[in-house]
Amino acid sequence: MHKRIIFIVYDGIQNSVFTSQVLKPLQNLLNKDNKVEISIISFEKISKKNFINIIKQNNSLLKPQMANKIKFIILRKLPLITKTSLLFATYQLNKILKRTSFTKIIARGPLAGWIAIKTLKKLKQTNMPITIQARGLCAQEYRFTFQDLKESLIKKIFRKITYKKLNTIEKEVYCIKRNNITFESVSPALKNYLITNFETNKNQIIIASQDIPEKIKTNKRKNFRKIIREKLNIPPDSFVYCYSGSAKPWQCIDKAIKYFSIKLKNNPNNFLLILSQDQKQIEKIIKQNKINTKNFHLINSKPKKLHQYLAACDAGLLFRDKDIINWVSRPTKMLEYQAAGLKIIHNNTVAWLENN
């Protein structure tokens, strides 16, 4: 039987985790079932001129045999001021789904979930199976992003209104009690938060597992370790710490590098491998901590080669601020470290790590 899945994205296909959290799991699904076809509908804040380039960019990430089974559809995204912005999204989605046959909807996050639910109501298909992926806390993430910014009183008032609106939408989505709706939580901590704060039915919640990367086999890991260390002139007996990620404030790279600088004083043979695109910003932090060039490498590695560099390391650094958004999260870098068999050094701010 032919199946068509509609996958709705509201946080953009240019999101840094789109490949690992969306494309790879969908490709795995297609590998298991060759009767499935998928349409990814993404709402983007870009001009029509850039639509084709983005689609080409994402098609290039697909395996050749998948290109004809995953279709990209780009729709217009308006700034979120009121629910009117989302109603415009439902209007666009309604036009697409009216002329499309489909058997299931997957929505990434509560905003995409809200749009899907409202659209299906218009189409009188309220019994259609829907999976809403709870990847984090939308309102809390918004609050965290802007809480330390120095802004005018008008902007602060606007932020509070937007925060309340996001919180209202989340509660409206997650408190729906219908057998055809499944909520896919990234962690047990997030599941508990949804039950406690949004009165989500615990029987409707599952824990996500499709996007967890496979562990690197021991022989491969040893081989990668040898090749990469020789390539980077890292001594075989060095203890190698790894930081993989961006220089964005919420990833706390300053704390990670500070931690390494202390370890380096205790053992001059320690080494730090940094895998990031934000090279200029990171070089400044390295300089501030007075780390010698012989004790670190800063590499902008391609996603396909990332696991090889991780396999050359002994421990992954993952520091976060103490906040609910981090406590309920399941960081992508954590999964990648675990797949490479690394010990994870953290500061007890992520429940998944604290409980394991």
Protein backbone atom coordinates (compact mmCIF):
# COMPACT_ATOMS: atom_id res chain seq x y z
CA MET A 1 0.00 0.00 0.00
CA HIS A 2 1.35 3.43 -1.01
CA LYS A 3 2.00 5.80 1.92
CA ARG A 4 2.69 9.52 1.81
CA ILE A 5 3.94 11.36 4.89
CA ILE A 6 3.73 15.14 5.19
CA PHE A 7 6.56 16.49 7.38
CA ILE A 8 5.96 20.09 8.52
CA VAL A 9 8.90 22.27 9.59
CA TYR A 10 8.48 25.75 11.10
CA ASP A 11 11.99 26.39 12.44
CA GLY A 12 13.53 26.29 8.95
CA ILE A 13 15.47 23.76 6.91
CA GLN A 14 18.58 25.92 7.34
CA ASN A 15 18.57 25.04 11.04
CA SER A 16 21.93 23.50 12.04
CA VAL A 17 20.27 20.28 13.27
CA PHE A 18 18.00 19.82 10.24
CA THR A 19 20.25 17.19 8.66
CA SER A 20 20.68 15.08 11.83
CA GLN A 21 17.20 15.45 13.33
CA VAL A 22 15.04 15.56 10.20
CA LEU A 23 16.75 14.28 7.03
CA LYS A 24 18.63 11.30 8.47
CA PRO A 25 15.64 9.81 10.36
CA LEU A 26 13.47 10.24 7.25
CA GLN A 27 16.09 8.50 5.11
CA ASN A 28 16.21 5.66 7.66
CA LEU A 29 12.43 5.38 7.42
CA LEU A 30 12.64 5.11 3.63
CA ASN A 31 15.32 2.43 3.93
CA LYS A 32 12.94 0.32 6.03
CA ASP A 33 9.85 0.88 3.88
CA ASN A 34 10.20 1.44 0.12
CA LYS A 35 6.47 2.14 -0.22
CA VAL A 36 6.77 5.47 1.60
CA GLU A 37 7.05 8.90 -0.01
CA ILE A 38 7.69 12.08 1.98
CA SER A 39 6.92 15.75 1.38
CA ILE A 40 8.81 18.18 3.61
CA ILE A 41 6.85 21.41 3.89
CA SER A 42 8.94 24.18 5.42
CA PHE A 43 7.95 27.74 6.29
CA GLU A 44 10.84 30.12 5.53
CA LYS A 45 11.57 33.83 5.98
CA ILE A 46 13.27 34.17 2.62
CA SER A 47 12.55 35.60 -0.81
CA LYS A 48 11.34 33.41 -3.67
CA LYS A 49 14.73 33.88 -5.38
CA ASN A 50 16.39 31.81 -2.64
CA PHE A 51 13.80 29.02 -2.55
CA ILE A 52 15.40 27.03 -5.38
CA ASN A 53 18.90 27.35 -3.90
CA ILE A 54 17.75 26.01 -0.52
CA ILE A 55 15.97 23.07 -2.13
CA LYS A 56 19.10 22.26 -4.19
CA GLN A 57 21.22 22.50 -1.03
CA ASN A 58 19.05 19.99 0.82
CA ASN A 59 18.70 17.67 -2.16
CA SER A 60 22.49 17.47 -2.22
CA LEU A 61 22.39 16.03 1.31
CA LEU A 62 20.13 13.17 0.22
CA LYS A 63 21.37 9.81 -0.95
CA PRO A 64 20.77 9.51 -4.75
CA GLN A 65 18.14 6.81 -4.33
CA MET A 66 16.21 9.05 -1.90
CA ALA A 67 16.02 12.17 -4.10
CA ASN A 68 12.85 11.01 -5.88
CA LYS A 69 11.17 9.96 -2.63
CA ILE A 70 11.62 13.18 -0.62
CA LYS A 71 10.04 16.32 -2.03
CA PHE A 72 10.68 19.83 -0.67
CA ILE A 73 7.91 22.45 -0.60
CA ILE A 74 8.79 25.94 0.67
CA LEU A 75 6.05 28.26 1.99
CA ARG A 76 6.12 31.84 3.29
CA LYS A 77 6.78 32.47 6.99
CA LEU A 78 5.61 35.70 8.60
CA PRO A 79 7.04 37.20 11.83
CA LEU A 80 5.17 35.77 14.82
CA ILE A 81 3.27 38.77 16.19
CA THR A 82 -0.15 37.22 16.78
CA LYS A 83 -1.85 33.98 15.82
CA THR A 84 -2.70 35.73 12.52
CA SER A 85 0.84 34.85 11.37
CA LEU A 86 0.09 31.17 11.96
CA LEU A 87 -3.33 31.45 10.35
CA PHE A 88 -1.61 32.61 7.15
CA ALA A 89 0.50 29.45 7.41
CA THR A 90 -2.65 27.30 7.71
CA TYR A 91 -4.09 29.05 4.64
CA GLN A 92 -0.99 28.10 2.61
CA LEU A 93 -0.88 24.55 3.98
CA ASN A 94 -4.58 24.09 3.29
CA LYS A 95 -4.02 24.88 -0.41
CA ILE A 96 -1.24 22.25 -0.59
CA LEU A 97 -3.05 19.47 1.31
CA LYS A 98 -6.31 19.97 -0.64
CA ARG A 99 -4.64 18.61 -3.76
CA THR A 100 -2.40 16.03 -2.01
CA SER A 101 -3.22 12.54 -0.82
CA PHE A 102 -1.44 11.63 2.43
CA THR A 103 -1.68 9.08 5.21
CA LYS A 104 0.12 10.79 8.11
CA ILE A 105 1.47 14.14 9.30
CA ILE A 106 4.63 14.71 11.32
CA ALA A 107 5.03 18.22 12.74
CA ARG A 108 8.32 19.48 14.16
CA GLY A 109 7.49 21.47 17.29
CA PRO A 110 4.28 22.99 18.72
CA LEU A 111 3.97 25.79 16.12
CA ALA A 112 4.07 23.32 13.24
CA GLY A 113 1.70 21.13 15.29
CA TRP A 114 -0.76 24.01 15.78
CA ILE A 115 -0.71 24.76 12.03
CA ALA A 116 -1.29 21.07 11.19
CA ILE A 117 -4.19 20.65 13.63
CA LYS A 118 -5.97 23.82 12.46
CA THR A 119 -5.50 22.89 8.79
CA LEU A 120 -6.86 19.35 9.26
CA LYS A 121 -9.88 20.82 11.03
CA LYS A 122 -10.57 22.98 7.95
CA LEU A 123 -10.18 19.94 5.72
CA LYS A 124 -12.47 17.92 8.02
CA GLN A 125 -9.75 15.30 8.52
CA THR A 126 -9.46 15.51 12.31
CA ASN A 127 -8.87 11.75 12.59
CA MET A 128 -5.70 11.84 10.49
CA PRO A 129 -2.70 10.41 12.46
CA ILE A 130 -0.39 13.21 13.64
CA THR A 131 2.97 12.99 15.41
CA ILE A 132 4.08 16.25 17.00
CA GLN A 133 7.78 16.26 17.81
CA ALA A 134 8.48 18.02 21.11
CA ARG A 135 12.11 19.06 20.56
CA GLY A 136 12.26 21.59 23.37
CA LEU A 137 10.25 24.31 25.08
CA CYS A 138 9.34 26.99 22.57
CA ALA A 139 8.39 29.81 24.99
CA GLN A 140 11.21 29.08 27.43
CA GLU A 141 13.78 29.05 24.61
CA TYR A 142 12.49 32.44 23.44
CA ARG A 143 12.76 33.81 26.97
CA PHE A 144 16.29 32.42 27.37
CA THR A 145 17.47 33.92 24.06
CA PHE A 146 16.52 37.48 24.97
CA GLN A 147 16.64 37.57 28.78
CA ASP A 148 20.09 39.19 29.07
CA LEU A 149 19.78 41.69 26.21
CA LYS A 150 19.71 45.40 27.01
CA GLU A 151 16.63 46.62 25.15
CA SER A 152 14.16 49.48 25.27
CA LEU A 153 11.02 49.25 27.42
CA ILE A 154 8.84 48.85 24.31
CA LYS A 155 10.91 45.89 23.09
CA LYS A 156 10.79 44.29 26.55
CA ILE A 157 6.99 44.59 26.58
CA PHE A 158 6.87 43.07 23.07
CA ARG A 159 9.08 40.17 24.24
CA LYS A 160 6.77 39.44 27.18
CA ILE A 161 3.71 39.43 24.89
CA THR A 162 5.44 37.06 22.45
CA TYR A 163 6.57 34.79 25.31
CA LYS A 164 3.00 34.54 26.65
CA LYS A 165 1.67 33.89 23.15
CA LEU A 166 4.15 31.06 22.59
CA ASN A 167 3.34 29.56 25.99
CA THR A 168 -0.39 29.69 25.18
CA ILE A 169 0.15 27.94 21.83
CA GLU A 170 2.28 25.23 23.46
CA LYS A 171 -0.37 24.55 26.10
CA GLU A 172 -3.14 24.55 23.48
CA VAL A 173 -1.30 21.93 21.43
CA TYR A 174 0.11 19.69 24.16
CA CYS A 175 -3.11 19.45 26.19
CA ILE A 176 -5.11 17.97 23.28
CA LYS A 177 -6.30 14.52 24.27
CA ARG A 178 -7.00 12.54 21.10
CA ASN A 179 -5.97 8.99 20.21
CA ASN A 180 -4.77 10.00 16.74
CA ILE A 181 -2.23 12.50 18.15
CA THR A 182 1.16 11.33 19.43
CA PHE A 183 3.71 13.59 21.12
CA GLU A 184 7.32 12.55 20.53
CA SER A 185 9.50 13.88 23.37
CA VAL A 186 13.30 14.02 23.06
CA SER A 187 13.85 13.10 26.71
CA PRO A 188 12.10 11.68 29.80
CA ALA A 189 12.66 15.06 31.51
CA LEU A 190 10.76 16.87 28.75
CA LYS A 191 8.00 14.26 28.95
CA ASN A 192 7.61 14.95 32.68
CA TYR A 193 7.56 18.71 32.02
CA LEU A 194 4.78 18.35 29.43
CA ILE A 195 2.69 16.25 31.83
CA THR A 196 3.22 18.60 34.79
CA ASN A 197 2.95 21.99 33.04
CA PHE A 198 0.72 21.38 30.02
CA GLU A 199 -1.42 18.49 31.37
CA THR A 200 -0.38 16.29 28.45
CA ASN A 201 -1.81 12.78 28.49
CA LYS A 202 1.16 10.54 29.39
CA ASN A 203 -0.27 7.74 27.22
CA GLN A 204 0.11 9.95 24.14
CA ILE A 205 3.84 10.58 24.72
CA ILE A 206 6.66 8.48 23.29
CA ILE A 207 10.42 9.07 23.60
CA ALA A 208 12.21 9.83 20.30
CA SER A 209 14.83 7.33 19.18
CA GLN A 210 14.94 7.43 15.36
CA ASP A 211 17.51 10.24 15.24
CA ILE A 212 19.98 8.67 17.68
CA PRO A 213 23.13 7.92 15.63
CA GLU A 214 24.52 4.38 15.53
CA LYS A 215 27.60 3.68 17.63
CA ILE A 216 30.86 3.52 15.70
CA LYS A 217 32.12 -0.05 15.65
CA THR A 218 35.26 -0.67 17.75
CA ASN A 219 37.49 -1.57 14.81
CA LYS A 220 36.42 1.49 12.84
CA ARG A 221 36.91 3.73 15.85
CA LYS A 222 40.45 2.45 16.40
CA ASN A 223 41.25 2.95 12.72
CA PHE A 224 39.86 6.51 12.66
CA ARG A 225 41.74 7.28 15.88
CA LYS A 226 45.06 6.23 14.35
CA ILE A 227 44.50 8.00 11.00
CA ILE A 228 43.28 11.32 12.44
CA ARG A 229 45.94 11.51 15.15
CA GLU A 230 48.67 10.91 12.58
CA LYS A 231 47.13 13.49 10.26
CA LEU A 232 47.01 16.15 13.03
CA ASN A 233 50.32 15.15 14.65
CA ILE A 234 48.64 14.32 17.95
CA PRO A 235 50.79 11.98 20.09
CA PRO A 236 49.19 8.51 20.54
CA ASP A 237 49.44 8.82 24.34
CA SER A 238 47.82 12.29 24.58
CA PHE A 239 44.47 12.54 26.32
CA VAL A 240 42.33 14.38 23.75
CA TYR A 241 39.39 16.52 24.79
CA CYS A 242 36.87 17.49 22.11
CA TYR A 243 34.55 20.45 21.71
CA SER A 244 32.13 20.09 18.80
CA GLY A 245 29.69 22.92 18.14
CA SER A 246 29.33 26.63 17.56
CA ALA A 247 30.47 29.71 19.46
CA LYS A 248 26.89 30.72 20.24
CA PRO A 249 26.54 31.83 23.89
CA TRP A 250 24.12 29.06 24.88
CA GLN A 251 26.70 26.39 23.94
CA CYS A 252 29.07 27.81 26.60
CA ILE A 253 32.31 27.26 24.68
CA ASP A 254 34.05 29.73 27.01
CA LYS A 255 33.37 27.36 29.93
CA ALA A 256 34.60 24.37 27.93
CA ILE A 257 37.87 26.04 26.95
CA LYS A 258 38.39 27.35 30.49
CA TYR A 259 37.95 23.78 31.78
CA PHE A 260 40.56 22.53 29.31
CA SER A 261 43.02 25.28 30.25
CA ILE A 262 42.88 24.07 33.88
CA LYS A 263 43.42 20.45 32.82
CA LEU A 264 46.34 21.54 30.63
CA LYS A 265 48.09 23.07 33.64
CA ASN A 266 47.82 19.73 35.42
CA ASN A 267 49.06 17.77 32.42
CA PRO A 268 50.93 19.54 29.55
CA ASN A 269 50.36 16.47 27.37
CA ASN A 270 46.60 17.08 27.17
CA PHE A 271 45.18 18.13 23.81
CA LEU A 272 42.00 19.92 22.66
CA LEU A 273 40.35 19.25 19.31
CA ILE A 274 37.74 21.88 18.39
CA LEU A 275 35.29 21.12 15.57
CA SER A 276 33.47 24.30 14.61
CA GLN A 277 32.65 26.74 11.83
CA ASP A 278 33.03 29.77 14.13
CA GLN A 279 36.81 29.88 13.89
CA LYS A 280 37.50 33.60 14.41
CA GLN A 281 35.38 33.85 17.57
CA ILE A 282 36.92 30.70 19.02
CA GLU A 283 40.48 31.83 18.28
CA LYS A 284 39.83 34.88 20.50
CA ILE A 285 38.66 32.67 23.40
CA ILE A 286 41.70 30.40 22.94
CA LYS A 287 43.98 33.44 23.06
CA GLN A 288 42.30 34.76 26.21
CA ASN A 289 42.99 31.44 27.94
CA LYS A 290 46.66 31.46 26.77
CA ILE A 291 46.55 27.97 25.25
CA ASN A 292 49.65 27.11 23.23
CA THR A 293 49.13 26.22 19.55
CA LYS A 294 50.83 22.84 20.11
CA ASN A 295 47.98 21.84 22.47
CA PHE A 296 44.97 22.36 20.21
CA HIS A 297 43.58 22.09 16.69
CA LEU A 298 40.64 24.13 15.39
CA ILE A 299 38.98 22.41 12.43
CA ASN A 300 35.96 23.21 10.29
CA SER A 301 35.08 19.61 9.44
CA LYS A 302 32.42 18.48 6.99
CA PRO A 303 29.42 16.74 8.63
CA LYS A 304 30.25 13.47 6.82
CA LYS A 305 33.72 13.38 8.42
CA LEU A 306 32.70 14.53 11.91
CA HIS A 307 32.50 10.99 13.37
CA GLN A 308 36.09 10.30 12.26
CA TYR A 309 37.45 13.28 14.19
CA LEU A 310 35.33 12.42 17.24
CA ALA A 311 36.73 8.88 17.21
CA ALA A 312 40.24 10.33 17.61
CA CYS A 313 39.28 11.82 21.00
CA ASP A 314 38.88 10.51 24.55
CA ALA A 315 36.33 12.89 26.08
CA GLY A 316 33.69 15.33 24.82
CA LEU A 317 33.07 18.67 26.56
CA LEU A 318 29.43 19.69 26.99
CA PHE A 319 28.69 22.61 29.30
CA ARG A 320 25.37 24.43 29.56
CA ASP A 321 23.83 27.14 31.74
CA LYS A 322 21.50 26.03 34.51
CA ASP A 323 18.08 26.51 32.94
CA ILE A 324 14.96 24.45 32.27
CA ILE A 325 15.57 24.48 28.49
CA ASN A 326 18.88 22.68 29.00
CA TRP A 327 17.60 20.36 31.73
CA VAL A 328 14.90 18.84 29.47
CA SER A 329 17.06 18.80 26.33
CA ARG A 330 18.86 16.01 24.52
CA PRO A 331 21.79 17.81 22.84
CA THR A 332 22.77 16.54 19.38
CA LYS A 333 26.45 16.81 20.35
CA MET A 334 25.83 14.54 23.32
CA LEU A 335 24.44 11.85 21.00
CA GLU A 336 27.40 12.24 18.64
CA TYR A 337 29.89 11.98 21.53
CA GLN A 338 28.13 8.84 22.78
CA ALA A 339 28.13 7.27 19.30
CA ALA A 340 31.90 7.79 19.15
CA GLY A 341 32.34 6.15 22.56
CA LEU A 342 33.57 9.31 24.30
CA LYS A 343 33.37 10.04 27.98
CA ILE A 344 31.19 13.16 28.35
CA ILE A 345 32.42 15.85 30.72
CA HIS A 346 29.52 18.12 31.71
CA ASN A 347 28.32 20.43 34.50
CA ASN A 348 25.14 18.56 35.58
CA THR A 349 22.71 20.85 33.74
CA VAL A 350 21.20 18.24 31.38
CA ALA A 351 18.92 15.63 32.98
CA TRP A 352 19.79 12.98 30.38
CA LEU A 353 23.47 13.13 31.42
CA GLU A 354 22.77 13.58 35.12
CA ASN A 355 20.54 10.48 35.17
CA ASN A 356 22.93 8.35 33.11
